[in-house]
Amino acid sequence: MRKAIAILPLVALLLTGCDIGTHGTKVSSQEHQPRITVYAADAANTLTYYYVVDDRTGVVYLQFDGFYRGGITVMLNPDGTPVTKDQLELR
């Protein structure tokens, strides 16, 4: 009887789960597709850090690509506003 009481919560836990379905609305319009440009100083793409620019807004992001890790963050001016492509004089 004690085993049944001990196993019952475990079985209940195993039978509950998370929903793996998709939520939200899928948009197929080209208008909502990201438009970005990547700027790097090395044509061989061996750099670890490079700029990613949102072509619609001109906002610059710094992307890091390393061995089994990576990330992206918006670049900010000292006053907290985003850095733009014009400020970096990117072509």
C-alpha atoms as a PDB file:
ATOM      1  CA  MET A   1       0.000   0.000   0.000  1.00  0.00           C
ATOM      2  CA  ARG A   2       2.847   2.385   0.822  1.00  0.00           C
ATOM      3  CA  LYS A   3       4.439   1.724  -2.575  1.00  0.00           C
ATOM      4  CA  ALA A   4       1.174   2.563  -4.325  1.00  0.00           C
ATOM      5  CA  ILE A   5       0.914   5.837  -2.388  1.00  0.00           C
ATOM      6  CA  ALA A   6       4.521   6.675  -3.231  1.00  0.00           C
ATOM      7  CA  ILE A   7       4.142   5.812  -6.929  1.00  0.00           C
ATOM      8  CA  LEU A   8       0.805   7.613  -7.426  1.00  0.00           C
ATOM      9  CA  PRO A   9       2.303  11.177  -7.343  1.00  0.00           C
ATOM     10  CA  LEU A  10       5.083  10.064  -9.694  1.00  0.00           C
ATOM     11  CA  VAL A  11       2.573   8.676 -12.201  1.00  0.00           C
ATOM     12  CA  ALA A  12       0.492  11.847 -11.953  1.00  0.00           C
ATOM     13  CA  LEU A  13       3.607  13.938 -12.608  1.00  0.00           C
ATOM     14  CA  LEU A  14       4.555  11.843 -15.645  1.00  0.00           C
ATOM     15  CA  LEU A  15       1.072  12.147 -17.122  1.00  0.00           C
ATOM     16  CA  THR A  16       1.114  15.933 -16.968  1.00  0.00           C
ATOM     17  CA  GLY A  17       3.217  17.889 -19.389  1.00  0.00           C
ATOM     18  CA  CYS A  18       3.790  21.063 -21.249  1.00  0.00           C
ATOM     19  CA  ASP A  19       2.040  22.033 -24.438  1.00  0.00           C
ATOM     20  CA  ILE A  20       4.504  21.880 -27.323  1.00  0.00           C
ATOM     21  CA  GLY A  21       2.070  23.404 -29.803  1.00  0.00           C
ATOM     22  CA  THR A  22       2.701  26.699 -31.495  1.00  0.00           C
ATOM     23  CA  HIS A  23       1.141  29.874 -30.224  1.00  0.00           C
ATOM     24  CA  GLY A  24       0.692  33.128 -32.061  1.00  0.00           C
ATOM     25  CA  THR A  25      -0.008  33.955 -35.660  1.00  0.00           C
ATOM     26  CA  LYS A  26       2.225  32.951 -38.528  1.00  0.00           C
ATOM     27  CA  VAL A  27       2.713  35.774 -40.984  1.00  0.00           C
ATOM     28  CA  SER A  28       3.758  34.903 -44.506  1.00  0.00           C
ATOM     29  CA  SER A  29       4.023  38.462 -45.797  1.00  0.00           C
ATOM     30  CA  GLN A  30       7.417  39.675 -46.997  1.00  0.00           C
ATOM     31  CA  GLU A  31       6.732  42.873 -45.082  1.00  0.00           C
ATOM     32  CA  HIS A  32       7.417  41.110 -41.793  1.00  0.00           C
ATOM     33  CA  GLN A  33      10.578  39.289 -42.846  1.00  0.00           C
ATOM     34  CA  PRO A  34      13.769  40.626 -41.264  1.00  0.00           C
ATOM     35  CA  ARG A  35      16.042  42.649 -43.499  1.00  0.00           C
ATOM     36  CA  ILE A  36      19.550  42.727 -42.114  1.00  0.00           C
ATOM     37  CA  THR A  37      23.066  43.419 -43.314  1.00  0.00           C
ATOM     38  CA  VAL A  38      26.130  41.904 -41.651  1.00  0.00           C
ATOM     39  CA  TYR A  39      29.356  43.929 -41.602  1.00  0.00           C
ATOM     40  CA  ALA A  40      32.716  42.293 -40.916  1.00  0.00           C
ATOM     41  CA  ALA A  41      36.299  43.306 -41.564  1.00  0.00           C
ATOM     42  CA  ASP A  42      37.336  39.797 -42.593  1.00  0.00           C
ATOM     43  CA  ALA A  43      36.026  38.363 -45.863  1.00  0.00           C
ATOM     44  CA  ALA A  44      36.776  34.801 -44.697  1.00  0.00           C
ATOM     45  CA  ASN A  45      34.154  35.142 -41.924  1.00  0.00           C
ATOM     46  CA  THR A  46      36.628  34.144 -39.205  1.00  0.00           C
ATOM     47  CA  LEU A  47      35.783  37.052 -36.937  1.00  0.00           C
ATOM     48  CA  THR A  48      34.156  36.402 -33.614  1.00  0.00           C
ATOM     49  CA  TYR A  49      32.429  39.799 -33.327  1.00  0.00           C
ATOM     50  CA  TYR A  50      30.620  41.627 -36.099  1.00  0.00           C
ATOM     51  CA  TYR A  51      27.927  44.230 -36.704  1.00  0.00           C
ATOM     52  CA  VAL A  52      24.391  43.316 -37.720  1.00  0.00           C
ATOM     53  CA  VAL A  53      22.291  46.233 -38.995  1.00  0.00           C
ATOM     54  CA  ASP A  54      18.499  46.261 -39.244  1.00  0.00           C
ATOM     55  CA  ASP A  55      18.003  47.759 -42.708  1.00  0.00           C
ATOM     56  CA  ARG A  56      14.540  49.103 -41.834  1.00  0.00           C
ATOM     57  CA  THR A  57      15.524  51.035 -38.711  1.00  0.00           C
ATOM     58  CA  GLY A  58      19.294  51.429 -39.103  1.00  0.00           C
ATOM     59  CA  VAL A  59      19.821  50.100 -35.554  1.00  0.00           C
ATOM     60  CA  VAL A  60      23.178  48.359 -35.042  1.00  0.00           C
ATOM     61  CA  TYR A  61      23.570  45.114 -33.093  1.00  0.00           C
ATOM     62  CA  LEU A  62      26.799  43.455 -31.971  1.00  0.00           C
ATOM     63  CA  GLN A  63      26.823  39.714 -32.605  1.00  0.00           C
ATOM     64  CA  PHE A  64      29.221  37.234 -31.051  1.00  0.00           C
ATOM     65  CA  ASP A  65      29.853  33.850 -32.589  1.00  0.00           C
ATOM     66  CA  GLY A  66      32.090  31.437 -30.724  1.00  0.00           C
ATOM     67  CA  PHE A  67      32.671  27.762 -30.144  1.00  0.00           C
ATOM     68  CA  TYR A  68      29.350  26.391 -28.823  1.00  0.00           C
ATOM     69  CA  ARG A  69      28.202  29.852 -27.788  1.00  0.00           C
ATOM     70  CA  GLY A  70      27.023  33.088 -29.257  1.00  0.00           C
ATOM     71  CA  GLY A  71      24.774  36.036 -28.699  1.00  0.00           C
ATOM     72  CA  ILE A  72      23.484  39.306 -30.015  1.00  0.00           C
ATOM     73  CA  THR A  73      22.811  42.612 -28.298  1.00  0.00           C
ATOM     74  CA  VAL A  74      21.795  46.083 -29.352  1.00  0.00           C
ATOM     75  CA  MET A  75      24.610  48.626 -29.257  1.00  0.00           C
ATOM     76  CA  LEU A  76      23.772  51.655 -27.123  1.00  0.00           C
ATOM     77  CA  ASN A  77      25.044  55.211 -26.915  1.00  0.00           C
ATOM     78  CA  PRO A  78      26.056  56.537 -23.474  1.00  0.00           C
ATOM     79  CA  ASP A  79      22.604  58.131 -23.130  1.00  0.00           C
ATOM     80  CA  GLY A  80      20.861  54.769 -23.689  1.00  0.00           C
ATOM     81  CA  THR A  81      19.652  55.366 -27.245  1.00  0.00           C
ATOM     82  CA  PRO A  82      20.485  52.752 -29.897  1.00  0.00           C
ATOM     83  CA  VAL A  83      23.526  53.218 -32.133  1.00  0.00           C
ATOM     84  CA  THR A  84      22.557  53.703 -35.784  1.00  0.00           C
ATOM     85  CA  LYS A  85      24.328  52.794 -38.999  1.00  0.00           C
ATOM     86  CA  ASP A  86      24.974  56.480 -39.740  1.00  0.00           C
ATOM     87  CA  GLN A  87      26.857  56.905 -36.475  1.00  0.00           C
ATOM     88  CA  LEU A  88      29.289  54.098 -37.353  1.00  0.00           C
ATOM     89  CA  GLU A  89      29.719  55.349 -40.932  1.00  0.00           C
ATOM     90  CA  LEU A  90      29.160  51.858 -42.346  1.00  0.00           C
ATOM     91  CA  ARG A  91      28.888  51.560 -46.141  1.00  0.00           C
END
